[in-house]
Amino acid sequence: MSALDLPLREQAAAIAAGEADPGELLDACLARFEERNPELNAIVATFPDRSREMLAALARRDGGGGERARCASRARRVRALPSAP
C-alpha cells in the first residue's frame, strides 16, 4: 500500500513522521489525476510545475526540517477535525 492509498489524515502523519516523501506523494497524486480524470471529468486544471516549484522552495527555505515540522502541525490540526460520516 502506498501513502496515496491512505486517508488524508494518515498521509499528513506519514509525511510528518518521515515515512512518506512529499514529492513522491505529489507525483502519485498527479498521476492519479491523469489516470482517473478522463472518466470523472472533475479536474479542470492542474499545475504540476507550480506545485513542484512550491515544494522545492519550501525545502530550500527550511532545509527540509521546517517542512516536516509544519506537516506535523497540519497533521495534528487535520486529526482534530470531525470525521466524515
Protein backbone atom coordinates (compact mmCIF):
# COMPACT_ATOMS: atom_id res chain seq x y z
CA MET A 1 0.00 0.00 0.00
CA SER A 2 1.34 3.42 -0.89
CA ALA A 3 0.82 6.61 1.08
CA LEU A 4 -1.59 7.70 -1.67
CA ASP A 5 -3.96 4.91 -0.63
CA LEU A 6 -4.15 6.24 2.92
CA PRO A 7 -6.76 8.74 4.17
CA LEU A 8 -5.58 12.36 4.09
CA ARG A 9 -5.00 12.44 7.84
CA GLU A 10 -2.71 9.43 7.63
CA GLN A 11 -0.90 10.89 4.61
CA ALA A 12 -0.13 14.04 6.61
CA ALA A 13 1.02 11.96 9.58
CA ALA A 14 3.25 9.80 7.33
CA ILE A 15 4.91 12.90 5.87
CA ALA A 16 5.38 14.41 9.33
CA ALA A 17 6.92 11.17 10.62
CA GLY A 18 9.27 10.93 7.65
CA GLU A 19 7.57 7.76 6.42
CA ALA A 20 6.40 9.35 3.16
CA ASP A 21 8.14 11.80 0.86
CA PRO A 22 6.04 14.87 -0.03
CA GLY A 23 7.45 14.99 -3.57
CA GLU A 24 6.68 11.35 -4.24
CA LEU A 25 3.18 11.81 -2.85
CA LEU A 26 2.66 14.86 -5.09
CA ASP A 27 3.80 12.89 -8.14
CA ALA A 28 1.50 9.99 -7.21
CA CYS A 29 -1.45 12.39 -6.83
CA LEU A 30 -0.78 13.99 -10.19
CA ALA A 31 -0.51 10.57 -11.84
CA ARG A 32 -3.82 9.52 -10.30
CA PHE A 33 -5.47 12.73 -11.53
CA GLU A 34 -4.28 11.93 -15.06
CA GLU A 35 -5.44 8.32 -14.77
CA ARG A 36 -8.92 8.92 -13.38
CA ASN A 37 -9.98 12.32 -14.65
CA PRO A 38 -10.94 11.25 -18.19
CA GLU A 39 -13.73 9.14 -16.69
CA LEU A 40 -14.66 11.52 -13.87
CA ASN A 41 -14.17 14.82 -15.72
CA ALA A 42 -13.83 16.53 -12.35
CA ILE A 43 -10.47 18.28 -12.52
CA VAL A 44 -10.42 21.37 -14.69
CA ALA A 45 -6.74 22.25 -14.37
CA THR A 46 -3.65 21.05 -12.57
CA PHE A 47 -0.47 22.96 -12.01
CA PRO A 48 2.20 20.27 -11.60
CA ASP A 49 5.17 22.51 -12.35
CA ARG A 50 3.99 25.19 -9.94
CA SER A 51 3.28 22.57 -7.26
CA ARG A 52 6.80 21.14 -7.60
CA GLU A 53 8.28 24.66 -7.50
CA MET A 54 6.43 25.42 -4.28
CA LEU A 55 7.57 22.16 -2.70
CA ALA A 56 11.19 22.81 -3.74
CA ALA A 57 11.02 26.38 -2.39
CA LEU A 58 9.81 25.04 0.97
CA ALA A 59 12.69 22.57 1.13
CA ARG A 60 15.23 25.26 0.20
CA ARG A 61 13.88 27.75 2.70
CA ASP A 62 13.74 25.32 5.60
CA GLY A 63 16.45 22.86 4.70
CA GLY A 64 13.77 20.17 4.96
CA GLY A 65 13.43 20.30 8.74
CA GLY A 66 10.85 23.05 8.99
CA GLU A 67 8.78 21.40 6.29
CA ARG A 68 8.37 18.29 8.44
CA ALA A 69 7.51 20.40 11.49
CA ARG A 70 4.80 22.23 9.54
CA CYS A 71 3.46 18.92 8.24
CA ALA A 72 3.32 17.58 11.79
CA SER A 73 1.44 20.69 12.89
CA ARG A 74 -1.01 20.37 9.99
CA ALA A 75 -1.44 16.66 10.70
CA ARG A 76 -2.44 17.47 14.28
CA ARG A 77 -4.99 20.02 13.03
CA VAL A 78 -6.37 17.59 10.45
CA ARG A 79 -6.70 14.82 13.07
CA ALA A 80 -8.67 17.28 15.22
CA LEU A 81 -11.30 17.72 12.51
CA PRO A 82 -14.50 15.71 12.84
CA SER A 83 -14.56 12.55 10.74
CA ALA A 84 -16.79 12.34 7.71
CA PRO A 85 -19.85 10.15 8.15
